[in-house]
């Protein structure tokens, strides 16, 4: 149909015996009337050159070669802006593991054969900048780190191991002998069609007609004596003649490796034959690694690949990828965030084999998601600095003057756990007064007590360990892990009750591998999967058909001690986003200005029994 648009998908299969070499592939659109369109006309338009169309034959070149990879265990990858390199590397057989904020802040980097940083990742991933000292320690210890294209924030932040400068405005190299294609000759005609603004820009650059200009970094001093395990710095020569051959050495200037090998890997397109299954989750490396290994043991043809990030980050990422879904399974997060995702069409219906074993409240309408585990916010304190008898016993104790400036809070905009607690406070206010204002007043008082909001849970725990703060509120499961590892931290359940969170799981709509995703969801909620997570990862099963005697001792103690608060989940699901925006605008950083005079917190609603 005239004027219509489409994006056809073509599958190309090479012949059985394809010799190494380069193969041009010419493309054309042929209409029913025989009209043929085989010309591509991209526009070259940058600030430092004249805008110009570049008509050329629509074609791509396919390279075929024998790719031999060295033995690799794991390659860590920090995804950059609009970055799909990890997927291509996996197709080439590279065992890539995506590194999220949690892994960057507290993961064991030494287990990676190499760590690759995606294009402009220092701008798109805030956790990367915070983790840069850890990454440089990894390099000093002998690790290989590959940093792809970055811009001014990388230089301005001092993230390279040696001083690096880029001229502002860019120095340029001009090749006056460059031969330009005939398409550039139409530039003047095209510029006139773009209007007077473009014409003025072009007129100011006429002296560059017939010339090619390239950016040139300023030279930096030679690197000091090479440190053990660190790649040498390379001095960029000032002479322009060497520019073309030395562009890749900019990575060396930063003490890193060049990307020449990556280009070859992307083209190859081979793999180990297993079907990849991509899981987005806030559950952390311990549980995700456990489930990966256990599931793959019973499903050897599936390769589980997970990305660890906060609950809100998972939602944001799945939402941003709706046009081209990358994840198969959304694994973990409170019901309120899953409900928002379901309402926005981010999840596909699937009723797992264990659906009837969880309470009706843990089953979403339309079979869009189900509770897999139960968890709850708890009061946490540094046990070496705060005796158990003096630690807060309930939520209101956090407002006592003695804790002012000693409370650390995970940023609720990134954390589903903290969102749930704040939501409960606001829902209590609505139940008592018909308005959330009393709840917001309570949160302002908490803000006045708070020393810092932290984006990353690993950093939160680290600061508590170092006594940079003494008190926090955090998730039960993580606290059990911290105690097992010998951290100087302890916790208690609030006396008035705590919101019990349905930690849910669902199938991503448009998942690239839906069959494998359903198998993984079935495994997570199976008796085997639930008991495994309880024994080895401190997850409280959502299933109610497991006898308490089969659960580990910690889980039996939680079932005896936890007081679940009554929570209006439907109200929270409908108002959470509005409340969090209001909190960010009127509460964060405003507590001290509001002063201590504030309405009393909303009455505590009755608790409800925890299903067993």
Protein backbone atom coordinates (compact mmCIF):
# COMPACT_ATOMS: atom_id res chain seq x y z
CA UNK A 1 0.00 0.00 0.00
CA UNK A 2 1.35 3.41 -0.94
CA UNK A 3 2.90 5.34 1.95
CA UNK A 4 2.97 2.35 4.29
CA UNK A 5 6.02 1.40 6.31
CA UNK A 6 7.33 -1.89 7.56
CA UNK A 7 10.42 -3.60 8.88
CA UNK A 8 10.75 -7.05 7.31
CA UNK A 9 12.81 -9.70 9.08
CA UNK A 10 15.15 -11.78 6.92
CA UNK A 11 16.81 -15.01 8.01
CA UNK A 12 20.02 -15.83 6.17
CA UNK A 13 21.51 -19.28 6.39
CA UNK A 14 25.05 -19.83 5.09
CA UNK A 15 25.75 -22.81 2.81
CA UNK A 16 27.29 -25.85 4.49
CA UNK A 17 30.82 -25.26 3.20
CA UNK A 18 31.33 -21.51 3.30
CA UNK A 19 34.88 -20.47 2.58
CA UNK A 20 36.48 -17.66 4.54
CA UNK A 21 36.11 -14.30 2.85
CA UNK A 22 33.87 -11.28 2.39
CA UNK A 23 30.51 -11.60 0.70
CA UNK A 24 28.54 -8.53 -0.43
CA UNK A 25 24.77 -8.76 -0.05
CA UNK A 26 22.77 -6.35 -2.20
CA UNK A 27 19.29 -5.33 -1.08
CA UNK A 28 16.34 -3.99 -3.05
CA UNK A 29 12.63 -3.37 -2.58
CA UNK A 30 10.54 -4.41 -5.59
CA UNK A 31 6.92 -3.30 -5.79
CA UNK A 32 4.06 -5.14 -7.49
CA UNK A 33 4.35 -2.89 -10.54
CA UNK A 34 7.99 -3.82 -10.97
CA UNK A 35 9.43 -0.61 -9.53
CA UNK A 36 12.80 -1.29 -7.93
CA UNK A 37 14.43 0.68 -5.12
CA UNK A 38 18.02 -0.25 -4.32
CA UNK A 39 19.60 3.04 -3.25
CA UNK A 40 20.40 4.11 0.32
CA UNK A 41 20.65 7.85 0.97
CA UNK A 42 21.79 8.50 4.54
CA UNK A 43 22.43 12.10 5.57
CA UNK A 44 25.84 12.97 6.97
CA UNK A 45 25.24 15.91 9.28
CA UNK A 46 27.66 16.94 12.03
CA UNK A 47 28.44 20.31 13.54
CA UNK A 48 31.94 20.45 12.06
CA UNK A 49 31.12 19.52 8.42
CA UNK A 50 28.57 20.55 5.82
CA UNK A 51 25.34 18.49 5.85
CA UNK A 52 25.45 16.17 2.85
CA UNK A 53 23.46 13.20 1.55
CA UNK A 54 25.50 10.15 0.65
CA UNK A 55 23.67 8.09 -1.98
CA UNK A 56 25.10 4.61 -2.45
CA UNK A 57 23.97 1.11 -3.28
CA UNK A 58 21.98 -0.57 -0.50
CA UNK A 59 24.26 -3.42 0.46
CA UNK A 60 25.93 -5.04 3.43
CA UNK A 61 29.09 -7.06 3.55
CA UNK A 62 29.21 -10.35 5.44
CA UNK A 63 32.57 -11.61 6.65
CA UNK A 64 33.16 -15.31 7.15
CA UNK A 65 36.16 -16.66 9.00
CA UNK A 66 37.21 -19.41 11.37
CA UNK A 67 36.81 -18.05 14.89
CA UNK A 68 38.87 -19.65 17.63
CA UNK A 69 38.20 -18.45 21.17
CA UNK A 70 40.56 -18.93 24.11
CA UNK A 71 39.22 -20.88 27.07
CA UNK A 72 36.89 -18.52 28.95
CA UNK A 73 34.96 -18.98 32.19
CA UNK A 74 33.08 -15.70 32.52
CA UNK A 75 33.33 -12.30 30.88
CA UNK A 76 31.67 -9.47 32.78
CA UNK A 77 29.91 -6.80 30.74
CA UNK A 78 28.56 -3.38 31.79
CA UNK A 79 25.92 -2.46 29.25
CA UNK A 80 26.19 0.99 27.70
CA UNK A 81 23.67 3.23 25.98
CA UNK A 82 21.57 1.37 23.36
CA UNK A 83 24.14 -1.42 23.66
CA UNK A 84 23.48 -4.82 22.10
CA UNK A 85 27.10 -6.00 21.98
CA UNK A 86 26.55 -8.55 24.83
CA UNK A 87 23.97 -10.40 22.77
CA UNK A 88 26.31 -10.62 19.78
CA UNK A 89 29.20 -11.75 21.95
CA UNK A 90 27.02 -14.52 23.36
CA UNK A 91 26.13 -15.62 19.84
CA UNK A 92 29.85 -15.84 19.21
CA UNK A 93 30.22 -18.21 22.15
CA UNK A 94 31.62 -15.75 24.71
CA UNK A 95 30.22 -16.56 28.20
CA UNK A 96 29.02 -13.03 28.96
CA UNK A 97 27.51 -12.13 32.32
CA UNK A 98 25.89 -8.71 32.60
CA UNK A 99 27.04 -6.68 35.58
CA UNK A 100 24.38 -4.62 37.35
CA UNK A 101 24.73 -2.17 40.25
CA UNK A 102 24.87 -4.92 42.87
CA UNK A 103 27.66 -6.86 41.19
CA UNK A 104 29.66 -3.68 40.50
CA UNK A 105 29.40 -2.53 44.11
CA UNK A 106 30.03 -5.79 45.93
CA UNK A 107 30.53 -8.70 43.53
CA UNK A 108 33.65 -10.81 43.27
CA UNK A 109 35.29 -9.28 40.19
CA UNK A 110 38.27 -11.64 40.25
CA UNK A 111 36.11 -14.46 38.87
CA UNK A 112 35.92 -12.75 35.46
CA UNK A 113 38.52 -13.41 32.78
CA UNK A 114 37.78 -9.92 31.47
CA UNK A 115 35.38 -7.05 32.14
CA UNK A 116 34.04 -5.06 29.19
CA UNK A 117 32.48 -1.61 29.57
CA UNK A 118 29.95 -0.68 26.90
CA UNK A 119 29.86 2.48 24.83
CA UNK A 120 29.07 5.56 26.96
CA UNK A 121 28.31 3.37 29.98
CA UNK A 122 29.90 5.94 32.30
CA UNK A 123 27.00 8.20 31.34
CA UNK A 124 24.16 5.66 31.35
CA UNK A 125 25.07 3.54 34.43
CA UNK A 126 25.60 5.61 37.63
CA UNK A 127 26.84 2.56 39.55
CA UNK A 128 29.80 2.24 37.18
CA UNK A 129 31.34 5.53 38.28
CA UNK A 130 30.93 4.60 41.93
CA UNK A 131 32.56 1.21 41.32
CA UNK A 132 35.49 2.59 39.32
CA UNK A 133 38.02 2.25 42.20
CA UNK A 134 37.10 -1.43 42.52
CA UNK A 135 37.54 -1.92 38.78
CA UNK A 136 40.98 -0.30 38.85
CA UNK A 137 41.94 -2.58 41.75
CA UNK A 138 40.81 -5.50 39.57
CA UNK A 139 43.14 -4.28 36.80
CA UNK A 140 46.07 -3.76 39.20
CA UNK A 141 45.62 -7.34 40.38
CA UNK A 142 46.04 -8.60 36.82
CA UNK A 143 42.50 -8.38 35.47
CA UNK A 144 41.74 -7.36 31.89
CA UNK A 145 39.34 -4.44 31.46
CA UNK A 146 38.15 -3.26 28.05
CA UNK A 147 36.51 0.16 27.86
CA UNK A 148 34.66 1.02 24.67
CA UNK A 149 33.90 4.51 23.37
CA UNK A 150 33.30 7.13 26.09
CA UNK A 151 32.86 10.90 26.00
CA UNK A 152 33.73 13.87 28.20
CA UNK A 153 32.23 12.45 31.45
CA UNK A 154 34.82 9.66 31.35
CA UNK A 155 37.66 12.16 31.04
CA UNK A 156 36.19 14.71 33.45
CA UNK A 157 35.56 12.06 36.08
CA UNK A 158 39.18 10.92 36.10
CA UNK A 159 38.14 7.31 35.62
CA UNK A 160 41.23 6.29 33.62
CA UNK A 161 44.23 5.10 35.66
CA UNK A 162 46.37 7.89 34.17
CA UNK A 163 45.59 11.50 33.35
CA UNK A 164 43.79 11.86 30.04
CA UNK A 165 42.78 15.05 28.24
CA UNK A 166 40.69 15.78 25.16
CA UNK A 167 40.91 19.24 23.66
CA UNK A 168 37.87 21.52 23.86
CA UNK A 169 36.98 22.40 21.19
CA UNK A 170 38.33 19.28 19.52
CA UNK A 171 41.62 19.56 17.73
CA UNK A 172 41.12 18.30 14.19
CA UNK A 173 43.20 16.62 11.57
CA UNK A 174 42.53 17.65 7.96
CA UNK A 175 43.34 15.48 4.95
CA UNK A 176 43.20 17.91 2.02
CA UNK A 177 43.88 15.15 -0.50
CA UNK A 178 40.84 13.05 0.42
CA UNK A 179 38.74 11.91 -2.55
CA UNK A 180 35.08 12.52 -1.97
CA UNK A 181 32.26 10.56 -3.56
CA UNK A 182 29.84 12.11 -6.03
CA UNK A 183 27.10 12.15 -3.41
CA UNK A 184 28.84 14.96 -1.53
CA UNK A 185 28.62 17.16 -4.64
CA UNK A 186 24.88 17.46 -4.08
CA UNK A 187 25.42 19.05 -0.67
CA UNK A 188 24.73 22.63 -1.75
CA UNK A 189 21.43 21.67 -3.37
CA UNK A 190 20.40 19.67 -0.32
CA UNK A 191 21.40 22.44 2.12
CA UNK A 192 19.22 24.95 0.27
CA UNK A 193 16.26 22.60 0.70
CA UNK A 194 16.86 22.53 4.47
CA UNK A 195 16.21 26.23 4.94
CA UNK A 196 18.22 29.35 5.79
CA UNK A 197 19.60 28.07 9.12
CA UNK A 198 21.31 25.10 7.50
CA UNK A 199 22.49 27.30 4.63
CA UNK A 200 24.18 29.70 7.04
CA UNK A 201 25.88 26.83 8.79
CA UNK A 202 27.13 25.47 5.49
CA UNK A 203 28.28 28.89 4.29
CA UNK A 204 30.45 29.26 7.35
CA UNK A 205 32.17 26.00 6.53
CA UNK A 206 32.84 26.37 2.81
CA UNK A 207 36.54 26.50 3.48
CA UNK A 208 36.29 22.83 4.46
CA UNK A 209 34.91 21.68 1.12
CA UNK A 210 36.92 18.78 -0.24
CA UNK A 211 38.51 18.03 3.12
CA UNK A 212 38.10 15.30 5.77
CA UNK A 213 38.48 16.36 9.39
CA UNK A 214 39.09 13.96 12.28
CA UNK A 215 39.20 14.46 16.02
CA UNK A 216 42.63 14.25 17.64
CA UNK A 217 43.25 13.77 21.37
CA UNK A 218 45.87 15.92 22.99
CA UNK A 219 49.06 14.05 23.87
CA UNK A 220 49.55 13.02 27.47
CA UNK A 221 52.89 12.53 29.22
CA UNK A 222 54.47 9.07 29.07
CA UNK A 223 53.10 6.74 31.72
CA UNK A 224 55.09 6.19 34.89
CA UNK A 225 56.73 2.86 35.46
CA UNK A 226 54.26 0.06 34.76
CA UNK A 227 52.62 -1.38 37.84
CA UNK A 228 52.27 -5.09 38.31
CA UNK A 229 49.30 -6.42 36.41
CA UNK A 230 48.41 -3.10 34.77
CA UNK A 231 48.44 -2.64 31.04
CA UNK A 232 50.94 0.02 29.94
CA UNK A 233 49.82 3.51 29.01
CA UNK A 234 50.56 4.58 25.45
CA UNK A 235 51.61 8.12 24.68
CA UNK A 236 49.58 9.64 21.85
CA UNK A 237 52.01 11.32 19.44
CA UNK A 238 51.28 14.93 18.56
CA UNK A 239 51.88 14.40 14.86
CA UNK A 240 48.73 14.14 12.81
CA UNK A 241 50.26 11.66 10.37
CA UNK A 242 49.99 8.84 12.90
CA UNK A 243 46.41 9.59 13.84
CA UNK A 244 44.71 7.08 11.58
CA UNK A 245 46.80 4.18 12.77
CA UNK A 246 46.72 5.12 16.44
CA UNK A 247 43.07 5.77 17.18
CA UNK A 248 42.78 2.45 19.00
CA UNK A 249 45.68 3.40 21.27
CA UNK A 250 43.37 5.75 23.15
CA UNK A 251 42.28 2.67 25.08
CA UNK A 252 45.91 2.10 25.94
CA UNK A 253 46.17 5.68 27.16
CA UNK A 254 43.50 4.81 29.67
CA UNK A 255 45.44 1.75 30.77
CA UNK A 256 42.98 -0.60 29.09
CA UNK A 257 42.85 -2.93 26.09
CA UNK A 258 41.68 -2.11 22.57
CA UNK A 259 38.53 -3.53 21.03
CA UNK A 260 39.96 -5.06 17.88
CA UNK A 261 39.12 -8.57 19.06
CA UNK A 262 35.53 -7.65 19.86
CA UNK A 263 34.79 -6.68 16.28
CA UNK A 264 35.80 -10.11 15.08
CA UNK A 265 33.72 -11.82 17.76
CA UNK A 266 30.58 -9.93 16.86
CA UNK A 267 30.77 -10.99 13.23
CA UNK A 268 31.29 -14.67 13.87
CA UNK A 269 27.88 -15.70 15.15
CA UNK A 270 28.72 -19.14 16.55
CA UNK A 271 27.59 -20.48 19.97
CA UNK A 272 27.66 -23.64 22.07
CA UNK A 273 24.21 -24.61 20.82
CA UNK A 274 22.33 -23.99 24.08
CA UNK A 275 19.23 -21.81 24.16
CA UNK A 276 19.88 -18.59 26.11
CA UNK A 277 17.39 -17.62 28.83
CA UNK A 278 17.68 -14.03 30.06
CA UNK A 279 16.48 -13.28 33.59
CA UNK A 280 16.11 -9.78 35.06
CA UNK A 281 16.10 -9.88 38.87
CA UNK A 282 16.86 -7.98 42.09
CA UNK A 283 17.63 -11.20 43.96
CA UNK A 284 21.42 -10.87 44.03
CA UNK A 285 24.26 -13.06 42.90
CA UNK A 286 23.89 -15.76 45.57
CA UNK A 287 20.34 -16.82 44.73
CA UNK A 288 20.70 -16.18 41.00
CA UNK A 289 23.87 -18.28 40.74
CA UNK A 290 22.24 -21.03 42.76
CA UNK A 291 19.14 -21.14 40.55
CA UNK A 292 21.24 -20.89 37.38
CA UNK A 293 23.34 -23.93 38.27
CA UNK A 294 20.46 -26.00 39.63
CA UNK A 295 18.14 -25.30 36.72
CA UNK A 296 20.85 -25.91 34.11
CA UNK A 297 21.68 -29.25 35.76
CA UNK A 298 18.18 -30.50 34.94
CA UNK A 299 17.91 -28.55 31.67
CA UNK A 300 21.35 -28.91 30.03
CA UNK A 301 20.17 -27.39 26.73
CA UNK A 302 19.34 -24.04 28.39
CA UNK A 303 21.92 -21.35 29.26
CA UNK A 304 20.61 -19.10 32.07
CA UNK A 305 21.91 -15.53 31.89
CA UNK A 306 20.86 -13.12 34.60
CA UNK A 307 21.15 -9.41 35.23
CA UNK A 308 21.02 -8.27 38.86
CA UNK A 309 19.49 -4.83 39.53
CA UNK A 310 16.98 -3.13 41.83
CA UNK A 311 13.26 -3.90 41.63
CA UNK A 312 12.45 -0.50 40.15
CA UNK A 313 15.35 -0.84 37.70
CA UNK A 314 13.92 -4.15 36.45
CA UNK A 315 10.54 -2.54 35.85
CA UNK A 316 12.11 0.45 34.09
CA UNK A 317 14.23 -1.79 31.89
CA UNK A 318 11.43 -4.17 30.88
CA UNK A 319 9.25 -1.15 30.14
CA UNK A 320 11.93 0.50 27.99
CA UNK A 321 12.37 -2.69 25.96
CA UNK A 322 8.72 -3.30 25.08
CA UNK A 323 9.36 -2.67 21.37
CA UNK A 324 12.17 -5.24 21.37
CA UNK A 325 12.03 -7.41 24.54
CA UNK A 326 15.39 -8.73 25.73
CA UNK A 327 14.35 -10.48 28.95
CA UNK A 328 12.49 -13.77 29.21
CA UNK A 329 11.69 -13.83 32.94
CA UNK A 330 11.03 -11.05 35.45
CA UNK A 331 12.18 -12.73 38.65
CA UNK A 332 11.63 -10.89 41.92
CA UNK A 333 10.07 -7.69 43.22
CA UNK A 334 7.07 -6.63 45.30
CA UNK A 335 3.53 -7.11 44.13
CA UNK A 336 2.98 -3.38 43.68
CA UNK A 337 5.67 -3.09 41.00
CA UNK A 338 4.52 -6.27 39.25
CA UNK A 339 0.93 -4.99 39.29
CA UNK A 340 2.07 -1.81 37.57
CA UNK A 341 3.93 -3.86 34.98
CA UNK A 342 0.87 -6.03 34.41
CA UNK A 343 -1.36 -2.97 33.96
CA UNK A 344 1.04 -1.62 31.33
CA UNK A 345 1.10 -4.86 29.34
CA UNK A 346 4.66 -5.87 30.23
CA UNK A 347 3.77 -9.42 31.29
CA UNK A 348 2.29 -12.41 29.47
CA UNK A 349 -0.18 -14.82 31.02
CA UNK A 350 1.22 -18.09 32.32
CA UNK A 351 -0.16 -20.25 35.12
CA UNK A 352 2.71 -22.30 36.53
CA UNK A 353 2.30 -25.87 37.71
CA UNK A 354 2.52 -24.74 41.37
CA UNK A 355 -0.04 -21.91 41.17
CA UNK A 356 -2.58 -23.60 43.47
CA UNK A 357 0.08 -24.07 46.19
CA UNK A 358 0.37 -20.33 46.93
CA UNK A 359 -2.35 -18.29 48.69
CA UNK A 360 -5.00 -16.63 46.51
CA UNK A 361 -3.58 -13.22 47.46
CA UNK A 362 -0.30 -14.27 45.80
CA UNK A 363 -1.96 -14.94 42.43
CA UNK A 364 -2.46 -12.02 40.05
CA UNK A 365 -5.58 -11.66 37.95
CA UNK A 366 -5.18 -13.13 34.49
CA UNK A 367 -2.27 -15.35 35.63
CA UNK A 368 0.19 -12.53 34.88
CA UNK A 369 2.41 -13.10 37.94
CA UNK A 370 2.61 -15.18 41.11
CA UNK A 371 4.33 -14.87 44.46
CA UNK A 372 7.39 -17.11 44.64
CA UNK A 373 8.76 -16.09 48.06
CA UNK A 374 7.74 -13.99 51.04
CA UNK A 375 9.93 -11.39 52.69
CA UNK A 376 9.57 -8.29 54.85
CA UNK A 377 11.37 -5.09 55.90
CA UNK A 378 13.07 -5.37 59.29
CA UNK A 379 14.81 -2.96 61.68
CA UNK A 380 18.60 -3.31 61.32
CA UNK A 381 21.38 -2.06 63.60
CA UNK A 382 25.15 -2.32 63.95
CA UNK A 383 25.42 -4.77 66.84
CA UNK A 384 28.93 -3.66 67.87
CA UNK A 385 27.77 -0.06 68.37
CA UNK A 386 24.16 -0.52 69.45
CA UNK A 387 23.24 -3.09 72.16
CA UNK A 388 20.18 -5.13 71.29
CA UNK A 389 18.30 -3.72 74.29
CA UNK A 390 18.87 -0.17 73.02
CA UNK A 391 18.02 -0.83 69.36
CA UNK A 392 14.73 0.41 67.85
CA UNK A 393 11.83 -1.92 68.58
CA UNK A 394 9.20 -0.39 66.29
CA UNK A 395 8.87 2.04 63.40
CA UNK A 396 8.24 5.09 65.57
CA UNK A 397 11.47 4.47 67.47
CA UNK A 398 13.34 5.59 64.34
CA UNK A 399 12.14 9.13 65.09
CA UNK A 400 13.83 9.33 68.50
CA UNK A 401 16.37 12.21 68.74
CA UNK A 402 19.24 9.85 69.61
CA UNK A 403 19.15 8.41 66.07
CA UNK A 404 19.33 11.76 64.26
CA UNK A 405 22.08 11.61 61.60
CA UNK A 406 22.70 7.92 62.30
CA UNK A 407 20.11 6.38 59.95
CA UNK A 408 20.94 5.19 56.43
CA UNK A 409 18.09 4.44 54.02
CA UNK A 410 18.08 2.67 50.67
CA UNK A 411 16.62 5.08 48.11
CA UNK A 412 12.95 4.06 47.75
CA UNK A 413 12.89 5.15 44.11
CA UNK A 414 15.26 2.25 43.39
CA UNK A 415 14.16 -0.22 46.06
CA UNK A 416 10.93 -2.19 46.10
CA UNK A 417 11.47 -3.04 49.78
CA UNK A 418 11.65 0.59 50.87
CA UNK A 419 8.77 1.55 48.59
CA UNK A 420 6.64 -1.06 50.32
CA UNK A 421 7.45 0.29 53.78
CA UNK A 422 6.76 3.90 52.77
CA UNK A 423 3.56 2.77 51.03
CA UNK A 424 2.41 1.07 54.23
CA UNK A 425 2.97 4.27 56.23
CA UNK A 426 0.96 6.29 53.72
CA UNK A 427 -1.82 3.68 53.44
CA UNK A 428 -2.14 3.69 57.25
CA UNK A 429 -2.61 7.45 57.09
CA UNK A 430 -5.33 7.12 54.47
CA UNK A 431 -7.10 4.47 56.54
CA UNK A 432 -7.03 6.66 59.66
CA UNK A 433 -7.67 10.12 58.23
CA UNK A 434 -8.75 9.70 54.60
CA UNK A 435 -5.58 11.44 53.42
CA UNK A 436 -1.88 10.49 53.08
CA UNK A 437 -0.73 13.82 54.60
CA UNK A 438 -0.18 12.44 58.10
CA UNK A 439 1.96 9.68 56.55
CA UNK A 440 3.99 12.23 54.58
CA UNK A 441 4.55 14.19 57.81
CA UNK A 442 5.92 11.02 59.43
CA UNK A 443 8.23 10.44 56.45
CA UNK A 444 9.50 14.05 56.70
CA UNK A 445 10.45 13.38 60.30
CA UNK A 446 12.27 10.24 59.17
CA UNK A 447 13.99 12.29 56.45
CA UNK A 448 15.25 14.71 59.13
CA UNK A 449 16.79 11.72 60.95
CA UNK A 450 18.37 10.26 57.80
CA UNK A 451 22.06 10.81 57.09
CA UNK A 452 22.00 9.49 53.50
CA UNK A 453 19.84 7.74 50.89
CA UNK A 454 21.85 5.08 49.06
CA UNK A 455 21.24 3.69 45.60
CA UNK A 456 22.99 0.39 46.21
CA UNK A 457 22.28 -2.20 48.95
CA UNK A 458 25.90 -3.43 49.00
CA UNK A 459 27.09 0.10 49.75
CA UNK A 460 24.39 0.43 52.42
CA UNK A 461 25.70 -2.67 54.20
CA UNK A 462 29.31 -1.54 53.80
CA UNK A 463 28.57 1.84 55.42
CA UNK A 464 26.77 0.13 58.30
CA UNK A 465 29.74 -2.19 58.78
CA UNK A 466 32.05 0.86 58.98
CA UNK A 467 29.69 2.66 61.40
CA UNK A 468 29.08 5.49 58.95
CA UNK A 469 25.51 4.90 60.04
CA UNK A 470 24.11 2.75 62.84
CA UNK A 471 20.50 2.08 61.91
CA UNK A 472 18.62 1.16 58.74
CA UNK A 473 15.57 -0.65 57.47
CA UNK A 474 16.24 -3.47 55.09
CA UNK A 475 15.01 -6.76 53.73
CA UNK A 476 14.91 -9.90 55.89
CA UNK A 477 16.61 -12.23 53.42
CA UNK A 478 19.65 -9.99 52.95
CA UNK A 479 20.04 -9.61 56.71
CA UNK A 480 20.13 -13.38 57.16
CA UNK A 481 22.90 -13.51 54.54
CA UNK A 482 24.81 -10.72 56.30
CA UNK A 483 24.67 -12.52 59.64
CA UNK A 484 25.87 -15.76 58.09
CA UNK A 485 28.88 -13.92 56.65
CA UNK A 486 29.80 -12.56 60.05
CA UNK A 487 28.80 -8.94 59.45
CA UNK A 488 28.47 -6.90 62.68
CA UNK A 489 24.75 -6.47 62.06
CA UNK A 490 21.57 -7.69 63.71
CA UNK A 491 17.86 -7.16 63.16
CA UNK A 492 14.47 -7.42 64.77
CA UNK A 493 10.87 -7.54 63.61
CA UNK A 494 8.89 -4.35 64.40
CA UNK A 495 6.52 -4.98 67.31
CA UNK A 496 3.52 -3.43 65.54
CA UNK A 497 3.94 -5.53 62.43
CA UNK A 498 5.71 -5.33 59.08
CA UNK A 499 4.36 -5.59 55.54
CA UNK A 500 4.91 -9.09 54.20
CA UNK A 501 6.00 -8.75 50.59
CA UNK A 502 5.01 -11.20 47.89
CA UNK A 503 8.27 -11.58 45.99
CA UNK A 504 6.82 -12.35 42.57
CA UNK A 505 7.80 -13.88 39.24
CA UNK A 506 6.32 -13.51 35.77
CA UNK A 507 6.80 -14.17 32.06
CA UNK A 508 7.88 -11.11 30.07
CA UNK A 509 5.50 -10.32 27.22
CA UNK A 510 7.20 -10.97 23.89
CA UNK A 511 9.96 -12.99 25.58
CA UNK A 512 12.46 -14.28 23.00
CA UNK A 513 12.35 -17.77 24.57
CA UNK A 514 8.89 -18.28 26.14
CA UNK A 515 9.06 -22.08 26.35
CA UNK A 516 12.31 -22.00 28.31
CA UNK A 517 10.98 -19.13 30.44
CA UNK A 518 7.95 -21.21 31.48
CA UNK A 519 10.22 -24.09 32.43
CA UNK A 520 12.30 -21.76 34.61
CA UNK A 521 9.20 -20.33 36.33
CA UNK A 522 7.94 -23.87 36.98
CA UNK A 523 11.30 -24.76 38.55
CA UNK A 524 11.41 -21.69 40.83
CA UNK A 525 8.07 -22.55 42.43
CA UNK A 526 8.48 -26.33 42.48
CA UNK A 527 8.97 -28.13 45.78
CA UNK A 528 12.60 -28.74 44.80
CA UNK A 529 13.19 -25.10 43.88
CA UNK A 530 11.47 -23.71 46.98
CA UNK A 531 13.29 -25.99 49.40
CA UNK A 532 16.60 -25.31 47.66
CA UNK A 533 16.14 -21.53 47.94
CA UNK A 534 15.13 -21.87 51.60
CA UNK A 535 18.10 -24.07 52.54
CA UNK A 536 20.82 -22.25 50.65
CA UNK A 537 19.57 -18.71 49.98
CA UNK A 538 17.35 -17.75 52.94
CA UNK A 539 14.15 -17.46 50.88
CA UNK A 540 10.86 -18.01 52.70
CA UNK A 541 8.69 -20.10 50.36
CA UNK A 542 5.39 -18.69 49.16
CA UNK A 543 4.00 -22.21 48.95
CA UNK A 544 1.80 -23.10 51.89
CA UNK A 545 1.78 -26.87 51.29
CA UNK A 546 5.33 -27.43 52.59
CA UNK A 547 5.34 -28.89 56.14
CA UNK A 548 7.16 -26.59 58.56
CA UNK A 549 9.34 -29.50 59.63
CA UNK A 550 10.83 -29.62 56.11
CA UNK A 551 11.90 -25.99 56.31
CA UNK A 552 15.29 -24.95 57.75
CA UNK A 553 15.45 -23.72 61.33
CA UNK A 554 15.72 -20.04 60.35
CA UNK A 555 12.45 -20.26 58.37
CA UNK A 556 10.62 -21.93 61.23
CA UNK A 557 11.82 -19.16 63.58
CA UNK A 558 10.62 -16.46 61.15
CA UNK A 559 7.18 -18.06 60.94
CA UNK A 560 6.99 -17.96 64.76
CA UNK A 561 8.29 -14.40 65.22
CA UNK A 562 7.10 -12.33 62.27
CA UNK A 563 4.02 -10.18 62.88
CA UNK A 564 2.43 -9.37 59.50
CA UNK A 565 0.80 -5.95 59.28
CA UNK A 566 -2.57 -5.53 57.62
CA UNK A 567 -1.91 -3.70 54.35
CA UNK A 568 -4.31 -2.33 51.74
CA UNK A 569 -2.44 -3.65 48.70
CA UNK A 570 -5.07 -2.49 46.22
CA UNK A 571 -4.76 1.08 47.47
CA UNK A 572 -0.98 0.86 47.26
CA UNK A 573 -1.06 -0.52 43.71
CA UNK A 574 -3.27 2.35 42.58
CA UNK A 575 -1.42 5.15 44.38
CA UNK A 576 2.22 4.07 44.68
CA UNK A 577 3.60 5.92 41.70
CA UNK A 578 1.79 9.14 42.69
CA UNK A 579 3.04 8.79 46.28
CA UNK A 580 6.66 8.18 45.29
CA UNK A 581 6.70 11.22 43.02
CA UNK A 582 5.28 13.31 45.87
CA UNK A 583 7.83 11.86 48.31
CA UNK A 584 10.71 12.72 45.98
CA UNK A 585 9.48 16.28 45.50
CA UNK A 586 8.24 17.24 48.96
CA UNK A 587 9.89 14.89 51.48
CA UNK A 588 13.43 14.01 50.36
CA UNK A 589 15.72 16.65 51.84
CA UNK A 590 12.81 18.63 53.34
CA UNK A 591 12.62 16.95 56.74
CA UNK A 592 14.96 19.31 58.57
CA UNK A 593 13.08 22.35 57.25
CA UNK A 594 9.77 20.89 58.37
CA UNK A 595 11.04 20.68 61.96
CA UNK A 596 10.10 18.22 64.62
CA UNK A 597 6.55 19.50 65.02
CA UNK A 598 4.42 17.13 62.99
CA UNK A 599 1.19 15.20 63.42
CA UNK A 600 1.42 11.90 65.17
CA UNK A 601 1.77 8.85 62.94
CA UNK A 602 -1.34 7.05 61.85
CA UNK A 603 -2.60 4.37 64.25
CA UNK A 604 -1.18 0.93 63.74
CA UNK A 605 -3.72 -1.37 62.09
CA UNK A 606 -4.19 -4.88 63.45
CA UNK A 607 -1.87 -7.61 62.34
CA UNK A 608 -2.94 -10.64 60.36
CA UNK A 609 -1.72 -14.23 60.67
CA UNK A 610 0.98 -15.32 58.28
CA UNK A 611 -0.14 -18.23 56.08
CA UNK A 612 1.73 -21.42 56.84
